[in-house]
PDB file of all heavy atoms in Angstrom:
ATOM      1  N   TRP A   1       8.379   8.583   2.384  1.00  0.00           N
ATOM      2  CA  TRP A   1       7.237   8.085   1.507  1.00  0.00           C
ATOM      3  C   TRP A   1       6.156   9.175   1.379  1.00  0.00           C
ATOM      4  O   TRP A   1       5.519   9.472   0.269  1.00  0.00           O
ATOM      5  CB  TRP A   1       6.720   6.857   2.057  1.00  0.00           C
ATOM      6  CG  TRP A   1       5.540   6.282   1.329  1.00  0.00           C
ATOM      7  CD1 TRP A   1       5.510   5.509   0.203  1.00  0.00           C
ATOM      8  CD2 TRP A   1       4.092   6.516   1.628  1.00  0.00           C
ATOM      9  NE1 TRP A   1       4.175   5.186  -0.144  1.00  0.00           N
ATOM     10  CE2 TRP A   1       3.310   5.837   0.659  1.00  0.00           C
ATOM     11  CE3 TRP A   1       3.473   7.250   2.698  1.00  0.00           C
ATOM     12  CZ2 TRP A   1       1.880   5.804   0.674  1.00  0.00           C
ATOM     13  CZ3 TRP A   1       2.064   7.233   2.596  1.00  0.00           C
ATOM     14  CH2 TRP A   1       1.350   6.566   1.652  1.00  0.00           C
ATOM     15  N   LEU A   2       5.727   9.742   2.482  1.00  0.00           N
ATOM     16  CA  LEU A   2       4.770  10.786   2.606  1.00  0.00           C
ATOM     17  C   LEU A   2       5.166  11.942   1.778  1.00  0.00           C
ATOM     18  O   LEU A   2       4.303  12.514   1.022  1.00  0.00           O
ATOM     19  CB  LEU A   2       4.448  11.222   4.052  1.00  0.00           C
ATOM     20  CG  LEU A   2       3.382  12.110   4.206  1.00  0.00           C
ATOM     21  CD1 LEU A   2       1.988  11.400   4.016  1.00  0.00           C
ATOM     22  CD2 LEU A   2       3.329  12.856   5.606  1.00  0.00           C
ATOM     23  N   GLU A   3       6.363  12.434   1.825  1.00  0.00           N
ATOM     24  CA  GLU A   3       6.734  13.525   1.089  1.00  0.00           C
ATOM     25  C   GLU A   3       6.666  13.311  -0.428  1.00  0.00           C
ATOM     26  O   GLU A   3       6.302  14.139  -1.167  1.00  0.00           O
ATOM     27  CB  GLU A   3       8.093  13.968   1.381  1.00  0.00           C
ATOM     28  CG  GLU A   3       8.636  15.205   0.765  1.00  0.00           C
ATOM     29  CD  GLU A   3      10.092  15.633   1.336  1.00  0.00           C
ATOM     30  OE1 GLU A   3      11.143  15.062   0.794  1.00  0.00           O
ATOM     31  OE2 GLU A   3      10.164  16.492   2.213  1.00  0.00           O
ATOM     32  N   ASN A   4       7.067  12.182  -0.909  1.00  0.00           N
ATOM     33  CA  ASN A   4       6.937  11.773  -2.276  1.00  0.00           C
ATOM     34  C   ASN A   4       5.565  11.645  -2.737  1.00  0.00           C
ATOM     35  O   ASN A   4       5.253  12.065  -3.789  1.00  0.00           O
ATOM     36  CB  ASN A   4       7.625  10.336  -2.454  1.00  0.00           C
ATOM     37  CG  ASN A   4       8.552  10.314  -3.671  1.00  0.00           C
ATOM     38  OD1 ASN A   4       8.633  11.351  -4.378  1.00  0.00           O
ATOM     39  ND2 ASN A   4       9.268   9.172  -3.870  1.00  0.00           N
ATOM     40  N   LEU A   5       4.675  11.045  -1.936  1.00  0.00           N
ATOM     41  CA  LEU A   5       3.272  10.996  -2.185  1.00  0.00           C
ATOM     42  C   LEU A   5       2.669  12.363  -2.411  1.00  0.00           C
ATOM     43  O   LEU A   5       1.957  12.691  -3.338  1.00  0.00           O
ATOM     44  CB  LEU A   5       2.605  10.243  -1.087  1.00  0.00           C
ATOM     45  CG  LEU A   5       1.021  10.079  -1.174  1.00  0.00           C
ATOM     46  CD1 LEU A   5       0.724   8.765  -1.705  1.00  0.00           C
ATOM     47  CD2 LEU A   5       0.448  10.404   0.184  1.00  0.00           C
ATOM     48  N   LEU A   6       3.041  13.264  -1.443  1.00  0.00           N
ATOM     49  CA  LEU A   6       2.556  14.605  -1.387  1.00  0.00           C
ATOM     50  C   LEU A   6       2.857  15.378  -2.620  1.00  0.00           C
ATOM     51  O   LEU A   6       2.099  16.200  -3.255  1.00  0.00           O
ATOM     52  CB  LEU A   6       2.918  15.294  -0.109  1.00  0.00           C
ATOM     53  CG  LEU A   6       2.439  16.755   0.063  1.00  0.00           C
ATOM     54  CD1 LEU A   6       0.869  16.792   0.018  1.00  0.00           C
ATOM     55  CD2 LEU A   6       2.923  17.298   1.392  1.00  0.00           C
ATOM     56  N   GLY A   7       4.150  15.225  -3.031  1.00  0.00           N
ATOM     57  CA  GLY A   7       4.690  15.917  -4.279  1.00  0.00           C
ATOM     58  C   GLY A   7       3.816  15.654  -5.433  1.00  0.00           C
ATOM     59  O   GLY A   7       3.511  16.560  -6.255  1.00  0.00           O
ATOM     60  N   SER A   8       3.480  14.440  -5.672  1.00  0.00           N
ATOM     61  CA  SER A   8       2.593  14.061  -6.870  1.00  0.00           C
ATOM     62  C   SER A   8       1.228  14.584  -6.640  1.00  0.00           C
ATOM     63  O   SER A   8       0.678  15.019  -7.650  1.00  0.00           O
ATOM     64  CB  SER A   8       2.675  12.541  -7.042  1.00  0.00           C
ATOM     65  OG  SER A   8       1.791  12.139  -8.143  1.00  0.00           O
ATOM     66  N   LEU A   9       0.671  14.497  -5.560  1.00  0.00           N
ATOM     67  CA  LEU A   9      -0.789  14.958  -5.318  1.00  0.00           C
ATOM     68  C   LEU A   9      -0.856  16.448  -5.530  1.00  0.00           C
ATOM     69  O   LEU A   9      -1.853  16.889  -6.038  1.00  0.00           O
ATOM     70  CB  LEU A   9      -1.218  14.602  -3.902  1.00  0.00           C
ATOM     71  CG  LEU A   9      -1.498  13.153  -3.617  1.00  0.00           C
ATOM     72  CD1 LEU A   9      -1.801  12.854  -2.124  1.00  0.00           C
ATOM     73  CD2 LEU A   9      -2.569  12.546  -4.433  1.00  0.00           C
ATOM     74  N   LEU A  10       0.099  17.140  -4.996  1.00  0.00           N
ATOM     75  CA  LEU A  10       0.151  18.519  -5.226  1.00  0.00           C
ATOM     76  C   LEU A  10       0.168  18.976  -6.670  1.00  0.00           C
ATOM     77  O   LEU A  10      -0.502  19.829  -7.179  1.00  0.00           O
ATOM     78  CB  LEU A  10       1.320  19.250  -4.531  1.00  0.00           C
ATOM     79  CG  LEU A  10       1.140  19.307  -3.003  1.00  0.00           C
ATOM     80  CD1 LEU A  10       2.492  19.918  -2.320  1.00  0.00           C
ATOM     81  CD2 LEU A  10      -0.058  20.091  -2.543  1.00  0.00           C
ATOM     82  N   GLY A  11       0.952  18.278  -7.532  1.00  0.00           N
ATOM     83  CA  GLY A  11       1.111  18.494  -8.919  1.00  0.00           C
ATOM     84  C   GLY A  11      -0.271  18.171  -9.590  1.00  0.00           C
ATOM     85  O   GLY A  11      -0.660  18.977 -10.497  1.00  0.00           O
ATOM     86  N   ALA A  12      -0.934  17.049  -9.226  1.00  0.00           N
ATOM     87  CA  ALA A  12      -2.222  16.780  -9.717  1.00  0.00           C
ATOM     88  C   ALA A  12      -3.286  17.813  -9.483  1.00  0.00           C
ATOM     89  O   ALA A  12      -4.073  18.343 -10.334  1.00  0.00           O
ATOM     90  CB  ALA A  12      -2.687  15.436  -9.264  1.00  0.00           C
ATOM     91  N   LEU A  13      -3.368  18.242  -8.136  1.00  0.00           N
ATOM     92  CA  LEU A  13      -4.257  19.226  -7.629  1.00  0.00           C
ATOM     93  C   LEU A  13      -4.010  20.563  -8.360  1.00  0.00           C
ATOM     94  O   LEU A  13      -5.011  21.239  -8.730  1.00  0.00           O
ATOM     95  CB  LEU A  13      -4.156  19.304  -6.196  1.00  0.00           C
ATOM     96  CG  LEU A  13      -5.230  20.152  -5.494  1.00  0.00           C
ATOM     97  CD1 LEU A  13      -6.668  19.538  -5.760  1.00  0.00           C
ATOM     98  CD2 LEU A  13      -5.008  20.187  -3.913  1.00  0.00           C
ATOM     99  N   GLU A  14      -2.753  20.941  -8.471  1.00  0.00           N
ATOM    100  CA  GLU A  14      -2.483  22.277  -9.179  1.00  0.00           C
ATOM    101  C   GLU A  14      -3.077  22.260 -10.630  1.00  0.00           C
ATOM    102  O   GLU A  14      -3.489  23.221 -11.081  1.00  0.00           O
ATOM    103  CB  GLU A  14      -0.913  22.547  -9.093  1.00  0.00           C
ATOM    104  CG  GLU A  14      -0.694  23.911  -9.578  1.00  0.00           C
ATOM    105  CD  GLU A  14       0.747  24.361  -9.218  1.00  0.00           C
ATOM    106  OE1 GLU A  14       1.730  23.695  -9.565  1.00  0.00           O
ATOM    107  OE2 GLU A  14       0.877  25.366  -8.416  1.00  0.00           O
ATOM    108  N   GLN A  15      -2.816  21.083 -11.321  1.00  0.00           N
ATOM    109  CA  GLN A  15      -3.338  21.080 -12.733  1.00  0.00           C
ATOM    110  C   GLN A  15      -4.911  21.257 -12.717  1.00  0.00           C
ATOM    111  O   GLN A  15      -5.466  21.997 -13.648  1.00  0.00           O
ATOM    112  CB  GLN A  15      -2.960  19.786 -13.366  1.00  0.00           C
ATOM    113  CG  GLN A  15      -3.426  19.747 -14.832  1.00  0.00           C
ATOM    114  CD  GLN A  15      -2.998  18.628 -15.735  1.00  0.00           C
ATOM    115  OE1 GLN A  15      -3.893  17.798 -16.137  1.00  0.00           O
ATOM    116  NE2 GLN A  15      -1.627  18.512 -15.824  1.00  0.00           N
ATOM    117  N   LEU A  16      -5.529  20.699 -11.903  1.00  0.00           N
ATOM    118  CA  LEU A  16      -6.951  20.904 -11.772  1.00  0.00           C
ATOM    119  C   LEU A  16      -7.282  22.320 -11.433  1.00  0.00           C
ATOM    120  O   LEU A  16      -8.155  22.918 -12.040  1.00  0.00           O
ATOM    121  CB  LEU A  16      -7.505  19.975 -10.722  1.00  0.00           C
ATOM    122  CG  LEU A  16      -9.018  19.680 -10.575  1.00  0.00           C
ATOM    123  CD1 LEU A  16      -9.545  19.044 -11.882  1.00  0.00           C
ATOM    124  CD2 LEU A  16      -9.446  18.846  -9.399  1.00  0.00           C
ATOM    125  N   HIS A  17      -6.530  23.029 -10.567  1.00  0.00           N
ATOM    126  CA  HIS A  17      -6.863  24.282 -10.206  1.00  0.00           C
ATOM    127  C   HIS A  17      -6.532  25.283 -11.251  1.00  0.00           C
ATOM    128  O   HIS A  17      -7.180  26.296 -11.498  1.00  0.00           O
ATOM    129  CB  HIS A  17      -6.056  24.815  -8.951  1.00  0.00           C
ATOM    130  CG  HIS A  17      -6.618  24.052  -7.654  1.00  0.00           C
ATOM    131  ND1 HIS A  17      -5.922  24.304  -6.442  1.00  0.00           N
ATOM    132  CD2 HIS A  17      -7.652  23.358  -7.475  1.00  0.00           C
ATOM    133  CE1 HIS A  17      -6.551  23.552  -5.555  1.00  0.00           C
ATOM    134  NE2 HIS A  17      -7.572  22.993  -6.158  1.00  0.00           N
ATOM    135  N   GLU A  18      -5.589  24.877 -12.161  1.00  0.00           N
ATOM    136  CA  GLU A  18      -5.130  25.732 -13.196  1.00  0.00           C
ATOM    137  C   GLU A  18      -6.266  25.886 -14.276  1.00  0.00           C
ATOM    138  O   GLU A  18      -6.274  26.892 -15.047  1.00  0.00           O
ATOM    139  CB  GLU A  18      -3.830  25.207 -13.884  1.00  0.00           C
ATOM    140  CG  GLU A  18      -2.592  25.497 -13.113  1.00  0.00           C
ATOM    141  CD  GLU A  18      -1.285  24.864 -13.747  1.00  0.00           C
ATOM    142  OE1 GLU A  18      -1.414  23.936 -14.612  1.00  0.00           O
ATOM    143  OE2 GLU A  18      -0.193  25.092 -13.191  1.00  0.00           O
ATOM    144  N   ILE A  19      -7.126  24.942 -14.319  1.00  0.00           N
ATOM    145  CA  ILE A  19      -8.259  25.092 -15.326  1.00  0.00           C
ATOM    146  C   ILE A  19      -9.531  25.560 -14.553  1.00  0.00           C
ATOM    147  O   ILE A  19     -10.625  25.556 -15.060  1.00  0.00           O
ATOM    148  CB  ILE A  19      -8.589  23.916 -16.059  1.00  0.00           C
ATOM    149  CG1 ILE A  19      -9.003  22.762 -15.143  1.00  0.00           C
ATOM    150  CG2 ILE A  19      -7.388  23.471 -16.897  1.00  0.00           C
ATOM    151  CD1 ILE A  19      -9.447  21.459 -15.757  1.00  0.00           C
ATOM    152  N   GLY A  20      -9.322  26.158 -13.313  1.00  0.00           N
ATOM    153  CA  GLY A  20     -10.377  26.802 -12.616  1.00  0.00           C
ATOM    154  C   GLY A  20     -11.353  25.922 -11.943  1.00  0.00           C
ATOM    155  O   GLY A  20     -12.520  26.349 -11.598  1.00  0.00           O
ATOM    156  N   HIS A  21     -10.924  24.662 -11.480  1.00  0.00           N
ATOM    157  CA  HIS A  21     -11.912  23.755 -10.809  1.00  0.00           C
ATOM    158  C   HIS A  21     -11.326  23.325  -9.500  1.00  0.00           C
ATOM    159  O   HIS A  21     -10.112  23.174  -9.247  1.00  0.00           O
ATOM    160  CB  HIS A  21     -12.121  22.437 -11.667  1.00  0.00           C
ATOM    161  CG  HIS A  21     -13.056  22.766 -12.773  1.00  0.00           C
ATOM    162  ND1 HIS A  21     -14.369  22.440 -12.820  1.00  0.00           N
ATOM    163  CD2 HIS A  21     -12.810  23.290 -14.068  1.00  0.00           C
ATOM    164  CE1 HIS A  21     -14.977  22.610 -13.866  1.00  0.00           C
ATOM    165  NE2 HIS A  21     -14.084  23.203 -14.685  1.00  0.00           N
ATOM    166  N   LEU A  22     -12.345  23.215  -8.636  1.00  0.00           N
ATOM    167  CA  LEU A  22     -11.882  22.559  -7.268  1.00  0.00           C
ATOM    168  C   LEU A  22     -12.234  21.056  -7.432  1.00  0.00           C
ATOM    169  O   LEU A  22     -13.105  20.652  -8.161  1.00  0.00           O
ATOM    170  CB  LEU A  22     -12.910  23.129  -6.229  1.00  0.00           C
ATOM    171  CG  LEU A  22     -13.018  24.730  -6.122  1.00  0.00           C
ATOM    172  CD1 LEU A  22     -13.909  25.012  -4.925  1.00  0.00           C
ATOM    173  CD2 LEU A  22     -11.581  25.168  -5.845  1.00  0.00           C
ATOM    174  N   HIS A  23     -11.495  20.304  -6.561  1.00  0.00           N
ATOM    175  CA  HIS A  23     -11.843  18.895  -6.564  1.00  0.00           C
ATOM    176  C   HIS A  23     -13.089  18.699  -5.727  1.00  0.00           C
ATOM    177  O   HIS A  23     -14.112  18.074  -6.135  1.00  0.00           O
ATOM    178  CB  HIS A  23     -10.660  18.111  -5.911  1.00  0.00           C
ATOM    179  CG  HIS A  23     -10.930  16.621  -5.884  1.00  0.00           C
ATOM    180  ND1 HIS A  23     -11.719  15.961  -5.001  1.00  0.00           N
ATOM    181  CD2 HIS A  23     -10.326  15.641  -6.721  1.00  0.00           C
ATOM    182  CE1 HIS A  23     -11.722  14.709  -5.227  1.00  0.00           C
ATOM    183  NE2 HIS A  23     -10.961  14.461  -6.302  1.00  0.00           N
ATOM    184  N   GLY A  24     -13.092  19.161  -4.511  1.00  0.00           N
ATOM    185  CA  GLY A  24     -14.319  19.140  -3.740  1.00  0.00           C
ATOM    186  C   GLY A  24     -14.544  17.863  -2.821  1.00  0.00           C
ATOM    187  O   GLY A  24     -15.545  17.852  -2.082  1.00  0.00           O
ATOM    188  N   ASP A  25     -13.745  16.861  -3.020  1.00  0.00           N
ATOM    189  CA  ASP A  25     -14.020  15.638  -2.363  1.00  0.00           C
ATOM    190  C   ASP A  25     -12.736  14.781  -2.096  1.00  0.00           C
ATOM    191  O   ASP A  25     -12.684  13.612  -2.218  1.00  0.00           O
ATOM    192  CB  ASP A  25     -14.969  14.713  -3.174  1.00  0.00           C
ATOM    193  CG  ASP A  25     -15.532  13.548  -2.397  1.00  0.00           C
ATOM    194  OD1 ASP A  25     -15.443  13.596  -1.089  1.00  0.00           O
ATOM    195  OD2 ASP A  25     -15.919  12.552  -2.986  1.00  0.00           O
ATOM    196  N   ILE A  26     -11.582  15.528  -1.726  1.00  0.00           N
ATOM    197  CA  ILE A  26     -10.351  14.916  -1.432  1.00  0.00           C
ATOM    198  C   ILE A  26     -10.460  14.181  -0.050  1.00  0.00           C
ATOM    199  O   ILE A  26     -10.746  14.794   0.939  1.00  0.00           O
ATOM    200  CB  ILE A  26      -9.238  15.893  -1.284  1.00  0.00           C
ATOM    201  CG1 ILE A  26      -9.029  16.588  -2.739  1.00  0.00           C
ATOM    202  CG2 ILE A  26      -7.874  15.251  -0.841  1.00  0.00           C
ATOM    203  CD1 ILE A  26      -8.018  17.712  -2.723  1.00  0.00           C
ATOM    204  N   ALA A  27     -10.267  12.930  -0.123  1.00  0.00           N
ATOM    205  CA  ALA A  27     -10.368  12.019   1.119  1.00  0.00           C
ATOM    206  C   ALA A  27      -9.565  10.850   0.852  1.00  0.00           C
ATOM    207  O   ALA A  27      -9.238  10.444  -0.315  1.00  0.00           O
ATOM    208  CB  ALA A  27     -11.851  11.627   1.337  1.00  0.00           C
ATOM    209  N   PRO A  28      -9.218  10.011   1.879  1.00  0.00           N
ATOM    210  CA  PRO A  28      -8.351   8.799   1.692  1.00  0.00           C
ATOM    211  C   PRO A  28      -8.976   7.689   0.834  1.00  0.00           C
ATOM    212  O   PRO A  28      -8.286   7.076   0.252  1.00  0.00           O
ATOM    213  CB  PRO A  28      -8.143   8.278   3.078  1.00  0.00           C
ATOM    214  CG  PRO A  28      -9.250   8.936   3.995  1.00  0.00           C
ATOM    215  CD  PRO A  28      -9.468  10.247   3.251  1.00  0.00           C
ATOM    216  N   ASP A  29     -10.310   7.689   0.727  1.00  0.00           N
ATOM    217  CA  ASP A  29     -10.884   6.699  -0.213  1.00  0.00           C
ATOM    218  C   ASP A  29     -10.942   7.195  -1.614  1.00  0.00           C
ATOM    219  O   ASP A  29     -11.352   6.333  -2.540  1.00  0.00           O
ATOM    220  CB  ASP A  29     -12.300   6.291   0.278  1.00  0.00           C
ATOM    221  CG  ASP A  29     -13.280   7.517   0.293  1.00  0.00           C
ATOM    222  OD1 ASP A  29     -12.782   8.625   0.283  1.00  0.00           O
ATOM    223  OD2 ASP A  29     -14.414   7.302   0.343  1.00  0.00           O
ATOM    224  N   ASN A  30     -10.532   8.457  -1.913  1.00  0.00           N
ATOM    225  CA  ASN A  30     -10.474   8.942  -3.222  1.00  0.00           C
ATOM    226  C   ASN A  30      -9.059   9.168  -3.766  1.00  0.00           C
ATOM    227  O   ASN A  30      -8.851   9.818  -4.735  1.00  0.00           O
ATOM    228  CB  ASN A  30     -11.160  10.216  -3.364  1.00  0.00           C
ATOM    229  CG  ASN A  30     -12.640  10.096  -3.787  1.00  0.00           C
ATOM    230  OD1 ASN A  30     -13.052   9.130  -4.392  1.00  0.00           O
ATOM    231  ND2 ASN A  30     -13.499  11.124  -3.515  1.00  0.00           N
ATOM    232  N   ILE A  31      -8.107   8.521  -3.045  1.00  0.00           N
ATOM    233  CA  ILE A  31      -6.744   8.436  -3.469  1.00  0.00           C
ATOM    234  C   ILE A  31      -6.182   7.141  -3.537  1.00  0.00           C
ATOM    235  O   ILE A  31      -6.356   6.336  -2.526  1.00  0.00           O
ATOM    236  CB  ILE A  31      -5.898   9.307  -2.490  1.00  0.00           C
ATOM    237  CG1 ILE A  31      -6.362  10.752  -2.401  1.00  0.00           C
ATOM    238  CG2 ILE A  31      -4.322   9.244  -3.042  1.00  0.00           C
ATOM    239  CD1 ILE A  31      -5.563  11.605  -1.334  1.00  0.00           C
ATOM    240  N   ILE A  32      -5.939   6.589  -4.652  1.00  0.00           N
ATOM    241  CA  ILE A  32      -5.488   5.287  -4.909  1.00  0.00           C
ATOM    242  C   ILE A  32      -4.095   5.139  -5.372  1.00  0.00           C
ATOM    243  O   ILE A  32      -3.647   6.110  -6.007  1.00  0.00           O
ATOM    244  CB  ILE A  32      -6.410   4.503  -5.888  1.00  0.00           C
ATOM    245  CG1 ILE A  32      -6.423   3.024  -5.821  1.00  0.00           C
ATOM    246  CG2 ILE A  32      -6.216   5.052  -7.314  1.00  0.00           C
ATOM    247  CD1 ILE A  32      -7.567   2.273  -6.544  1.00  0.00           C
ATOM    248  N   LEU A  33      -3.345   4.111  -5.082  1.00  0.00           N
ATOM    249  CA  LEU A  33      -2.009   3.865  -5.621  1.00  0.00           C
ATOM    250  C   LEU A  33      -2.113   3.103  -6.903  1.00  0.00           C
ATOM    251  O   LEU A  33      -2.625   1.916  -6.868  1.00  0.00           O
ATOM    252  CB  LEU A  33      -1.129   3.235  -4.486  1.00  0.00           C
ATOM    253  CG  LEU A  33      -1.098   3.891  -3.091  1.00  0.00           C
ATOM    254  CD1 LEU A  33      -0.091   3.191  -2.250  1.00  0.00           C
ATOM    255  CD2 LEU A  33      -0.606   5.334  -3.389  1.00  0.00           C
ATOM    256  N   ASP A  34      -1.252   3.512  -7.751  1.00  0.00           N
ATOM    257  CA  ASP A  34      -1.126   2.675  -9.142  1.00  0.00           C
ATOM    258  C   ASP A  34      -0.122   1.537  -8.970  1.00  0.00           C
ATOM    259  O   ASP A  34       0.371   1.320  -7.912  1.00  0.00           O
ATOM    260  CB  ASP A  34      -1.028   3.493 -10.342  1.00  0.00           C
ATOM    261  CG  ASP A  34       0.378   4.114 -10.203  1.00  0.00           C
ATOM    262  OD1 ASP A  34       1.258   3.716  -9.430  1.00  0.00           O
ATOM    263  OD2 ASP A  34       0.640   5.187 -11.084  1.00  0.00           O
ATOM    264  N   ALA A  35       0.118   0.845 -10.093  1.00  0.00           N
ATOM    265  CA  ALA A  35       0.979  -0.286 -10.009  1.00  0.00           C
ATOM    266  C   ALA A  35       2.463   0.136  -9.593  1.00  0.00           C
ATOM    267  O   ALA A  35       3.148  -0.712  -9.138  1.00  0.00           O
ATOM    268  CB  ALA A  35       0.988  -0.966 -11.368  1.00  0.00           C
ATOM    269  N   GLN A  36       2.887   1.339  -9.856  1.00  0.00           N
ATOM    270  CA  GLN A  36       4.111   1.798  -9.314  1.00  0.00           C
ATOM    271  C   GLN A  36       4.193   2.436  -7.989  1.00  0.00           C
ATOM    272  O   GLN A  36       5.111   3.015  -7.523  1.00  0.00           O
ATOM    273  CB  GLN A  36       4.743   2.849 -10.447  1.00  0.00           C
ATOM    274  CG  GLN A  36       5.111   2.206 -11.794  1.00  0.00           C
ATOM    275  CD  GLN A  36       3.859   1.738 -12.649  1.00  0.00           C
ATOM    276  OE1 GLN A  36       2.922   2.570 -12.774  1.00  0.00           O
ATOM    277  NE2 GLN A  36       3.940   0.680 -13.170  1.00  0.00           N
ATOM    278  N   GLY A  37       3.046   2.328  -7.260  1.00  0.00           N
ATOM    279  CA  GLY A  37       2.831   2.994  -5.959  1.00  0.00           C
ATOM    280  C   GLY A  37       2.696   4.562  -6.057  1.00  0.00           C
ATOM    281  O   GLY A  37       2.812   5.046  -5.046  1.00  0.00           O
ATOM    282  N   GLN A  38       2.355   5.088  -7.222  1.00  0.00           N
ATOM    283  CA  GLN A  38       2.080   6.448  -7.335  1.00  0.00           C
ATOM    284  C   GLN A  38       0.643   6.782  -7.114  1.00  0.00           C
ATOM    285  O   GLN A  38      -0.191   6.082  -7.564  1.00  0.00           O
ATOM    286  CB  GLN A  38       2.557   6.816  -8.764  1.00  0.00           C
ATOM    287  CG  GLN A  38       2.274   8.270  -9.038  1.00  0.00           C
ATOM    288  CD  GLN A  38       2.655   8.667 -10.467  1.00  0.00           C
ATOM    289  OE1 GLN A  38       3.755   8.262 -11.014  1.00  0.00           O
ATOM    290  NE2 GLN A  38       1.841   9.428 -11.212  1.00  0.00           N
ATOM    291  N   PRO A  39       0.442   7.858  -6.415  1.00  0.00           N
ATOM    292  CA  PRO A  39      -0.941   8.213  -6.083  1.00  0.00           C
ATOM    293  C   PRO A  39      -1.774   8.734  -7.208  1.00  0.00           C
ATOM    294  O   PRO A  39      -1.197   9.550  -8.057  1.00  0.00           O
ATOM    295  CB  PRO A  39      -0.891   9.263  -4.858  1.00  0.00           C
ATOM    296  CG  PRO A  39       0.526   9.865  -5.183  1.00  0.00           C
ATOM    297  CD  PRO A  39       1.332   8.850  -5.762  1.00  0.00           C
ATOM    298  N   VAL A  40      -3.020   8.417  -7.326  1.00  0.00           N
ATOM    299  CA  VAL A  40      -3.964   8.907  -8.254  1.00  0.00           C
ATOM    300  C   VAL A  40      -5.080   9.484  -7.539  1.00  0.00           C
ATOM    301  O   VAL A  40      -5.783   8.834  -6.777  1.00  0.00           O
ATOM    302  CB  VAL A  40      -4.481   7.806  -9.307  1.00  0.00           C
ATOM    303  CG1 VAL A  40      -5.320   8.420 -10.278  1.00  0.00           C
ATOM    304  CG2 VAL A  40      -3.203   7.230  -9.940  1.00  0.00           C
ATOM    305  N   LEU A  41      -5.474  10.694  -7.947  1.00  0.00           N
ATOM    306  CA  LEU A  41      -6.488  11.433  -7.227  1.00  0.00           C
ATOM    307  C   LEU A  41      -7.796  11.225  -8.002  1.00  0.00           C
ATOM    308  O   LEU A  41      -8.041  11.714  -9.069  1.00  0.00           O
ATOM    309  CB  LEU A  41      -6.270  12.987  -7.193  1.00  0.00           C
ATOM    310  CG  LEU A  41      -7.053  13.974  -6.428  1.00  0.00           C
ATOM    311  CD1 LEU A  41      -7.284  13.482  -5.006  1.00  0.00           C
ATOM    312  CD2 LEU A  41      -6.543  15.297  -6.519  1.00  0.00           C
ATOM    313  N   LEU A  42      -8.655  10.426  -7.429  1.00  0.00           N
ATOM    314  CA  LEU A  42      -9.993  10.018  -8.085  1.00  0.00           C
ATOM    315  C   LEU A  42     -11.067  11.046  -7.870  1.00  0.00           C
ATOM    316  O   LEU A  42     -10.982  11.892  -7.040  1.00  0.00           O
ATOM    317  CB  LEU A  42     -10.383   8.661  -7.616  1.00  0.00           C
ATOM    318  CG  LEU A  42      -9.430   7.462  -7.530  1.00  0.00           C
ATOM    319  CD1 LEU A  42     -10.064   6.222  -6.975  1.00  0.00           C
ATOM    320  CD2 LEU A  42      -9.049   7.174  -9.069  1.00  0.00           C
ATOM    321  N   ASP A  43     -12.038  10.967  -8.669  1.00  0.00           N
ATOM    322  CA  ASP A  43     -13.190  11.622  -8.596  1.00  0.00           C
ATOM    323  C   ASP A  43     -13.139  13.283  -8.620  1.00  0.00           C
ATOM    324  O   ASP A  43     -13.774  13.976  -7.867  1.00  0.00           O
ATOM    325  CB  ASP A  43     -14.107  11.312  -7.374  1.00  0.00           C
ATOM    326  CG  ASP A  43     -14.983  10.201  -7.601  1.00  0.00           C
ATOM    327  OD1 ASP A  43     -15.100   9.703  -8.910  1.00  0.00           O
ATOM    328  OD2 ASP A  43     -15.636   9.692  -6.697  1.00  0.00           O
ATOM    329  N   PRO A  44     -12.102  13.801  -9.474  1.00  0.00           N
ATOM    330  CA  PRO A  44     -12.194  15.244  -9.648  1.00  0.00           C
ATOM    331  C   PRO A  44     -13.441  15.788 -10.240  1.00  0.00           C
ATOM    332  O   PRO A  44     -13.704  17.107 -10.266  1.00  0.00           O
ATOM    333  CB  PRO A  44     -11.014  15.549 -10.422  1.00  0.00           C
ATOM    334  CG  PRO A  44     -10.811  14.221 -11.266  1.00  0.00           C
ATOM    335  CD  PRO A  44     -11.272  13.118 -10.378  1.00  0.00           C
ATOM    336  N   GLY A  45     -14.388  15.010 -10.721  1.00  0.00           N
ATOM    337  CA  GLY A  45     -15.642  15.373 -11.196  1.00  0.00           C
ATOM    338  C   GLY A  45     -16.509  15.933 -10.223  1.00  0.00           C
ATOM    339  O   GLY A  45     -17.572  16.610 -10.476  1.00  0.00           O
TER     340      GLY A  45
END
């Protein structure tokens, strides 16, 4: 489960980095699971 979760988070983080931005606040309260159990990285602002 952790490996699957990590794979999605890395893809999301890489897209953010590709446009030259850091997230700056990655923490467990900023990662939420959607209805399919897929992680969503909140607050990239």
